[in-house]
All heavy atoms as atom14 arrays in JSON, in Angstrom:
{
  "sequence": "VGPEHFGLDRIADPAPVPEEYSNTLELGRVLYTV",
  "atom14_mask": [
    [1, 1, 1, 1, 1, 1, 1, 0, 0, 0, 0, 0, 0, 0],
    [1, 1, 1, 1, 0, 0, 0, 0, 0, 0, 0, 0, 0, 0],
    [1, 1, 1, 1, 1, 1, 1, 0, 0, 0, 0, 0, 0, 0],
    [1, 1, 1, 1, 1, 1, 1, 1, 1, 0, 0, 0, 0, 0],
    [1, 1, 1, 1, 1, 1, 1, 1, 1, 1, 0, 0, 0, 0],
    [1, 1, 1, 1, 1, 1, 1, 1, 1, 1, 1, 0, 0, 0],
    [1, 1, 1, 1, 0, 0, 0, 0, 0, 0, 0, 0, 0, 0],
    [1, 1, 1, 1, 1, 1, 1, 1, 0, 0, 0, 0, 0, 0],
    [1, 1, 1, 1, 1, 1, 1, 1, 0, 0, 0, 0, 0, 0],
    [1, 1, 1, 1, 1, 1, 1, 1, 1, 1, 1, 0, 0, 0],
    [1, 1, 1, 1, 1, 1, 1, 1, 0, 0, 0, 0, 0, 0],
    [1, 1, 1, 1, 1, 0, 0, 0, 0, 0, 0, 0, 0, 0],
    [1, 1, 1, 1, 1, 1, 1, 1, 0, 0, 0, 0, 0, 0],
    [1, 1, 1, 1, 1, 1, 1, 0, 0, 0, 0, 0, 0, 0],
    [1, 1, 1, 1, 1, 0, 0, 0, 0, 0, 0, 0, 0, 0],
    [1, 1, 1, 1, 1, 1, 1, 0, 0, 0, 0, 0, 0, 0],
    [1, 1, 1, 1, 1, 1, 1, 0, 0, 0, 0, 0, 0, 0],
    [1, 1, 1, 1, 1, 1, 1, 0, 0, 0, 0, 0, 0, 0],
    [1, 1, 1, 1, 1, 1, 1, 1, 1, 0, 0, 0, 0, 0],
    [1, 1, 1, 1, 1, 1, 1, 1, 1, 0, 0, 0, 0, 0],
    [1, 1, 1, 1, 1, 1, 1, 1, 1, 1, 1, 1, 0, 0],
    [1, 1, 1, 1, 1, 1, 0, 0, 0, 0, 0, 0, 0, 0],
    [1, 1, 1, 1, 1, 1, 1, 1, 0, 0, 0, 0, 0, 0],
    [1, 1, 1, 1, 1, 1, 1, 0, 0, 0, 0, 0, 0, 0],
    [1, 1, 1, 1, 1, 1, 1, 1, 0, 0, 0, 0, 0, 0],
    [1, 1, 1, 1, 1, 1, 1, 1, 1, 0, 0, 0, 0, 0],
    [1, 1, 1, 1, 1, 1, 1, 1, 0, 0, 0, 0, 0, 0],
    [1, 1, 1, 1, 0, 0, 0, 0, 0, 0, 0, 0, 0, 0],
    [1, 1, 1, 1, 1, 1, 1, 1, 1, 1, 1, 0, 0, 0],
    [1, 1, 1, 1, 1, 1, 1, 0, 0, 0, 0, 0, 0, 0],
    [1, 1, 1, 1, 1, 1, 1, 1, 0, 0, 0, 0, 0, 0],
    [1, 1, 1, 1, 1, 1, 1, 1, 1, 1, 1, 1, 0, 0],
    [1, 1, 1, 1, 1, 1, 1, 0, 0, 0, 0, 0, 0, 0],
    [1, 1, 1, 1, 1, 1, 1, 0, 0, 0, 0, 0, 0, 0]
  ],
  "atom14_positions": [
    [[106.2, 70.02, 99.95], [105.51, 70.93, 100.83], [105.81, 70.56, 102.32], [104.82, 70.68, 103.17], [104.0, 70.91, 100.52], [103.69, 71.39, 99.17], [103.4, 69.45, 100.67], [0.0, 0.0, 0.0], [0.0, 0.0, 0.0], [0.0, 0.0, 0.0], [0.0, 0.0, 0.0], [0.0, 0.0, 0.0], [0.0, 0.0, 0.0], [0.0, 0.0, 0.0]],
    [[106.94, 70.17, 102.64], [107.19, 69.8, 103.98], [107.41, 71.13, 104.83], [107.26, 72.15, 104.41], [0.0, 0.0, 0.0], [0.0, 0.0, 0.0], [0.0, 0.0, 0.0], [0.0, 0.0, 0.0], [0.0, 0.0, 0.0], [0.0, 0.0, 0.0], [0.0, 0.0, 0.0], [0.0, 0.0, 0.0], [0.0, 0.0, 0.0], [0.0, 0.0, 0.0]],
    [[107.69, 70.88, 106.13], [107.73, 72.0, 107.09], [108.9, 72.95, 106.73], [108.88, 74.09, 107.0], [107.93, 71.33, 108.43], [107.46, 69.93, 108.27], [107.66, 69.59, 106.8], [0.0, 0.0, 0.0], [0.0, 0.0, 0.0], [0.0, 0.0, 0.0], [0.0, 0.0, 0.0], [0.0, 0.0, 0.0], [0.0, 0.0, 0.0], [0.0, 0.0, 0.0]],
    [[109.93, 72.4, 106.17], [111.1, 73.27, 105.81], [110.88, 74.23, 104.73], [111.55, 75.17, 104.52], [112.37, 72.35, 105.45], [112.18, 71.55, 104.24], [111.53, 70.16, 104.5], [111.05, 70.03, 105.66], [111.48, 69.39, 103.56], [0.0, 0.0, 0.0], [0.0, 0.0, 0.0], [0.0, 0.0, 0.0], [0.0, 0.0, 0.0], [0.0, 0.0, 0.0]],
    [[109.8, 73.94, 103.93], [109.42, 74.82, 102.76], [108.22, 75.67, 103.12], [108.09, 76.88, 102.68], [109.2, 74.1, 101.48], [110.46, 73.36, 101.02], [111.59, 73.93, 100.58], [110.68, 72.02, 101.0], [112.47, 73.05, 100.27], [111.95, 71.83, 100.49], [0.0, 0.0, 0.0], [0.0, 0.0, 0.0], [0.0, 0.0, 0.0], [0.0, 0.0, 0.0]],
    [[107.17, 75.06, 103.78], [105.99, 75.75, 104.01], [105.58, 75.72, 105.49], [104.43, 75.6, 105.8], [104.84, 75.11, 103.15], [104.99, 75.33, 101.71], [105.65, 74.42, 100.89], [104.4, 76.42, 101.08], [105.71, 74.63, 99.54], [104.57, 76.68, 99.72], [105.18, 75.76, 98.96], [0.0, 0.0, 0.0], [0.0, 0.0, 0.0], [0.0, 0.0, 0.0]],
    [[106.55, 75.89, 106.33], [106.29, 75.95, 107.75], [105.64, 77.26, 108.15], [105.66, 78.24, 107.42], [0.0, 0.0, 0.0], [0.0, 0.0, 0.0], [0.0, 0.0, 0.0], [0.0, 0.0, 0.0], [0.0, 0.0, 0.0], [0.0, 0.0, 0.0], [0.0, 0.0, 0.0], [0.0, 0.0, 0.0], [0.0, 0.0, 0.0], [0.0, 0.0, 0.0]],
    [[105.0, 77.23, 109.36], [104.47, 78.44, 109.84], [105.43, 79.57, 110.13], [105.04, 80.76, 110.13], [103.67, 78.19, 111.16], [102.46, 77.19, 110.99], [101.83, 76.98, 112.38], [101.43, 77.73, 110.06], [0.0, 0.0, 0.0], [0.0, 0.0, 0.0], [0.0, 0.0, 0.0], [0.0, 0.0, 0.0], [0.0, 0.0, 0.0], [0.0, 0.0, 0.0]],
    [[106.71, 79.15, 110.39], [107.73, 80.2, 110.65], [108.31, 80.81, 109.26], [108.97, 81.76, 109.3], [108.92, 79.59, 111.38], [109.42, 78.34, 110.72], [108.72, 77.75, 109.82], [110.57, 77.9, 111.09], [0.0, 0.0, 0.0], [0.0, 0.0, 0.0], [0.0, 0.0, 0.0], [0.0, 0.0, 0.0], [0.0, 0.0, 0.0], [0.0, 0.0, 0.0]],
    [[107.97, 80.08, 108.17], [108.48, 80.63, 106.9], [107.41, 81.43, 106.11], [107.8, 82.23, 105.3], [108.91, 79.45, 106.06], [110.13, 78.68, 106.55], [110.57, 77.65, 105.57], [111.78, 76.96, 106.02], [113.04, 77.45, 105.72], [113.16, 78.51, 104.95], [114.08, 76.86, 106.14], [0.0, 0.0, 0.0], [0.0, 0.0, 0.0], [0.0, 0.0, 0.0]],
    [[106.18, 81.21, 106.33], [105.13, 81.89, 105.69], [104.34, 82.76, 106.76], [103.83, 82.23, 107.74], [104.15, 81.05, 104.98], [104.89, 80.19, 103.95], [103.02, 81.74, 104.38], [104.07, 79.19, 103.14], [0.0, 0.0, 0.0], [0.0, 0.0, 0.0], [0.0, 0.0, 0.0], [0.0, 0.0, 0.0], [0.0, 0.0, 0.0], [0.0, 0.0, 0.0]],
    [[104.33, 83.98, 106.57], [103.75, 84.93, 107.58], [102.16, 84.84, 107.39], [101.71, 84.48, 106.33], [104.21, 86.34, 107.37], [0.0, 0.0, 0.0], [0.0, 0.0, 0.0], [0.0, 0.0, 0.0], [0.0, 0.0, 0.0], [0.0, 0.0, 0.0], [0.0, 0.0, 0.0], [0.0, 0.0, 0.0], [0.0, 0.0, 0.0], [0.0, 0.0, 0.0]],
    [[101.51, 85.28, 108.47], [100.13, 85.31, 108.37], [99.63, 86.38, 107.33], [100.27, 87.42, 107.15], [99.5, 85.66, 109.74], [99.79, 84.62, 110.77], [99.92, 83.44, 110.34], [99.8, 84.88, 111.92], [0.0, 0.0, 0.0], [0.0, 0.0, 0.0], [0.0, 0.0, 0.0], [0.0, 0.0, 0.0], [0.0, 0.0, 0.0], [0.0, 0.0, 0.0]],
    [[98.48, 86.17, 106.66], [98.03, 87.09, 105.79], [97.66, 88.41, 106.42], [97.17, 88.51, 107.44], [96.82, 86.39, 105.08], [96.31, 85.43, 106.05], [97.6, 84.9, 106.77], [0.0, 0.0, 0.0], [0.0, 0.0, 0.0], [0.0, 0.0, 0.0], [0.0, 0.0, 0.0], [0.0, 0.0, 0.0], [0.0, 0.0, 0.0], [0.0, 0.0, 0.0]],
    [[98.02, 89.56, 105.63], [97.68, 90.86, 106.16], [96.17, 91.04, 106.26], [95.46, 90.63, 105.43], [98.33, 91.93, 105.27], [0.0, 0.0, 0.0], [0.0, 0.0, 0.0], [0.0, 0.0, 0.0], [0.0, 0.0, 0.0], [0.0, 0.0, 0.0], [0.0, 0.0, 0.0], [0.0, 0.0, 0.0], [0.0, 0.0, 0.0], [0.0, 0.0, 0.0]],
    [[95.74, 91.79, 107.31], [94.33, 92.03, 107.42], [93.86, 92.98, 106.26], [94.6, 93.9, 105.82], [94.16, 92.73, 108.8], [95.56, 93.27, 109.04], [96.5, 92.32, 108.51], [0.0, 0.0, 0.0], [0.0, 0.0, 0.0], [0.0, 0.0, 0.0], [0.0, 0.0, 0.0], [0.0, 0.0, 0.0], [0.0, 0.0, 0.0], [0.0, 0.0, 0.0]],
    [[92.61, 92.75, 105.82], [92.07, 93.5, 104.67], [90.92, 94.38, 105.22], [90.29, 94.02, 106.28], [91.6, 92.62, 103.55], [92.8, 91.85, 102.94], [90.56, 91.62, 104.11], [0.0, 0.0, 0.0], [0.0, 0.0, 0.0], [0.0, 0.0, 0.0], [0.0, 0.0, 0.0], [0.0, 0.0, 0.0], [0.0, 0.0, 0.0], [0.0, 0.0, 0.0]],
    [[90.57, 95.49, 104.57], [89.55, 96.28, 104.99], [88.14, 95.62, 104.71], [88.06, 94.65, 104.05], [89.67, 97.52, 104.14], [90.43, 97.12, 103.0], [91.33, 96.07, 103.48], [0.0, 0.0, 0.0], [0.0, 0.0, 0.0], [0.0, 0.0, 0.0], [0.0, 0.0, 0.0], [0.0, 0.0, 0.0], [0.0, 0.0, 0.0], [0.0, 0.0, 0.0]],
    [[87.13, 96.21, 105.34], [85.84, 95.52, 105.24], [85.3, 95.49, 103.87], [84.56, 94.62, 103.52], [84.89, 96.35, 106.17], [83.51, 95.67, 106.36], [82.63, 96.43, 107.27], [83.11, 97.34, 107.95], [81.47, 96.07, 107.41], [0.0, 0.0, 0.0], [0.0, 0.0, 0.0], [0.0, 0.0, 0.0], [0.0, 0.0, 0.0], [0.0, 0.0, 0.0]],
    [[85.52, 96.52, 103.05], [84.95, 96.6, 101.72], [85.82, 95.83, 100.71], [85.63, 95.94, 99.5], [84.83, 98.0, 101.26], [86.13, 98.82, 101.15], [86.51, 99.45, 102.43], [85.86, 99.16, 103.47], [87.53, 100.2, 102.41], [0.0, 0.0, 0.0], [0.0, 0.0, 0.0], [0.0, 0.0, 0.0], [0.0, 0.0, 0.0], [0.0, 0.0, 0.0]],
    [[86.77, 95.06, 101.2], [87.69, 94.3, 100.25], [86.92, 93.18, 99.6], [86.12, 92.47, 100.29], [88.82, 93.76, 101.07], [89.79, 92.92, 100.21], [90.77, 93.44, 99.37], [89.76, 91.53, 100.28], [91.68, 92.65, 98.65], [90.63, 90.74, 99.61], [91.51, 91.32, 98.71], [92.42, 90.48, 98.02], [0.0, 0.0, 0.0], [0.0, 0.0, 0.0]],
    [[87.17, 92.94, 98.33], [86.48, 91.91, 97.52], [87.59, 91.08, 96.85], [88.3, 91.56, 96.02], [85.56, 92.52, 96.46], [85.01, 91.48, 95.67], [0.0, 0.0, 0.0], [0.0, 0.0, 0.0], [0.0, 0.0, 0.0], [0.0, 0.0, 0.0], [0.0, 0.0, 0.0], [0.0, 0.0, 0.0], [0.0, 0.0, 0.0], [0.0, 0.0, 0.0]],
    [[87.67, 89.8, 97.29], [88.65, 88.97, 96.65], [88.23, 88.59, 95.23], [89.05, 88.21, 94.4], [88.91, 87.71, 97.49], [87.69, 86.95, 97.8], [86.62, 87.21, 97.22], [87.7, 86.12, 98.75], [0.0, 0.0, 0.0], [0.0, 0.0, 0.0], [0.0, 0.0, 0.0], [0.0, 0.0, 0.0], [0.0, 0.0, 0.0], [0.0, 0.0, 0.0]],
    [[86.9, 88.64, 94.98], [86.43, 88.43, 93.59], [87.0, 89.43, 92.65], [87.46, 89.11, 91.5], [84.94, 88.41, 93.54], [84.41, 87.44, 94.51], [84.42, 88.01, 92.19], [0.0, 0.0, 0.0], [0.0, 0.0, 0.0], [0.0, 0.0, 0.0], [0.0, 0.0, 0.0], [0.0, 0.0, 0.0], [0.0, 0.0, 0.0], [0.0, 0.0, 0.0]],
    [[86.97, 90.73, 93.09], [87.51, 91.83, 92.24], [89.01, 91.61, 92.03], [89.48, 91.8, 90.95], [87.24, 93.12, 92.9], [87.77, 94.37, 92.22], [87.19, 94.55, 90.81], [87.42, 95.61, 93.01], [0.0, 0.0, 0.0], [0.0, 0.0, 0.0], [0.0, 0.0, 0.0], [0.0, 0.0, 0.0], [0.0, 0.0, 0.0], [0.0, 0.0, 0.0]],
    [[89.73, 91.27, 93.08], [91.17, 91.1, 92.98], [91.5, 89.97, 92.1], [92.42, 89.94, 91.31], [91.74, 90.94, 94.36], [91.67, 92.15, 95.28], [92.48, 93.36, 94.66], [93.5, 93.09, 93.98], [91.99, 94.5, 94.9], [0.0, 0.0, 0.0], [0.0, 0.0, 0.0], [0.0, 0.0, 0.0], [0.0, 0.0, 0.0], [0.0, 0.0, 0.0]],
    [[90.72, 88.83, 92.21], [90.98, 87.65, 91.35], [90.75, 87.97, 89.93], [91.55, 87.67, 89.03], [90.08, 86.56, 91.84], [90.18, 85.23, 91.02], [91.57, 84.63, 91.18], [89.11, 84.23, 91.43], [0.0, 0.0, 0.0], [0.0, 0.0, 0.0], [0.0, 0.0, 0.0], [0.0, 0.0, 0.0], [0.0, 0.0, 0.0], [0.0, 0.0, 0.0]],
    [[89.64, 88.68, 89.62], [89.42, 89.13, 88.21], [90.44, 90.07, 87.74], [90.88, 89.91, 86.52], [0.0, 0.0, 0.0], [0.0, 0.0, 0.0], [0.0, 0.0, 0.0], [0.0, 0.0, 0.0], [0.0, 0.0, 0.0], [0.0, 0.0, 0.0], [0.0, 0.0, 0.0], [0.0, 0.0, 0.0], [0.0, 0.0, 0.0], [0.0, 0.0, 0.0]],
    [[90.92, 90.92, 88.53], [91.89, 91.88, 88.18], [93.19, 91.15, 87.76], [93.84, 91.51, 86.74], [92.15, 92.94, 89.19], [93.05, 94.13, 88.87], [93.14, 95.06, 89.98], [91.82, 95.73, 90.18], [91.56, 96.44, 91.26], [92.5, 96.59, 92.18], [90.38, 96.95, 91.41], [0.0, 0.0, 0.0], [0.0, 0.0, 0.0], [0.0, 0.0, 0.0]],
    [[93.64, 90.27, 88.62], [94.86, 89.53, 88.3], [94.67, 88.63, 87.17], [95.62, 88.47, 86.24], [95.29, 88.77, 89.59], [96.48, 87.87, 89.3], [95.68, 89.8, 90.71], [0.0, 0.0, 0.0], [0.0, 0.0, 0.0], [0.0, 0.0, 0.0], [0.0, 0.0, 0.0], [0.0, 0.0, 0.0], [0.0, 0.0, 0.0], [0.0, 0.0, 0.0]],
    [[93.56, 87.98, 87.05], [93.31, 87.01, 85.92], [93.31, 87.61, 84.63], [93.81, 87.04, 83.62], [91.98, 86.23, 86.25], [91.71, 85.04, 85.41], [92.73, 83.95, 85.61], [90.34, 84.48, 85.72], [0.0, 0.0, 0.0], [0.0, 0.0, 0.0], [0.0, 0.0, 0.0], [0.0, 0.0, 0.0], [0.0, 0.0, 0.0], [0.0, 0.0, 0.0]],
    [[92.73, 88.77, 84.54], [92.6, 89.43, 83.21], [93.63, 90.49, 82.86], [93.46, 91.23, 81.92], [91.16, 89.98, 83.06], [90.09, 89.0, 83.03], [89.31, 88.73, 84.11], [89.86, 88.32, 81.9], [88.26, 87.72, 84.01], [88.89, 87.32, 81.74], [88.09, 87.05, 82.9], [87.09, 86.13, 82.8], [0.0, 0.0, 0.0], [0.0, 0.0, 0.0]],
    [[94.62, 90.6, 83.76], [95.73, 91.57, 83.45], [97.07, 90.8, 83.45], [97.69, 90.74, 82.39], [95.81, 92.66, 84.51], [95.84, 92.11, 85.81], [94.51, 93.55, 84.42], [0.0, 0.0, 0.0], [0.0, 0.0, 0.0], [0.0, 0.0, 0.0], [0.0, 0.0, 0.0], [0.0, 0.0, 0.0], [0.0, 0.0, 0.0], [0.0, 0.0, 0.0]],
    [[97.44, 90.2, 84.53], [98.71, 89.53, 84.64], [98.7, 88.18, 83.92], [99.62, 87.91, 83.15], [99.1, 89.38, 86.14], [100.51, 88.57, 86.18], [99.16, 90.68, 86.85], [0.0, 0.0, 0.0], [0.0, 0.0, 0.0], [0.0, 0.0, 0.0], [0.0, 0.0, 0.0], [0.0, 0.0, 0.0], [0.0, 0.0, 0.0], [0.0, 0.0, 0.0]]
  ]
}
């Protein structure tokens, strides 16, 4: 996990999410489908 693999220039900032976004719903959807 050094800078050459996980540096700030290699991983972009997370995209902004809307106000009604629920990461609990997304986590459950991914966990029970994929």
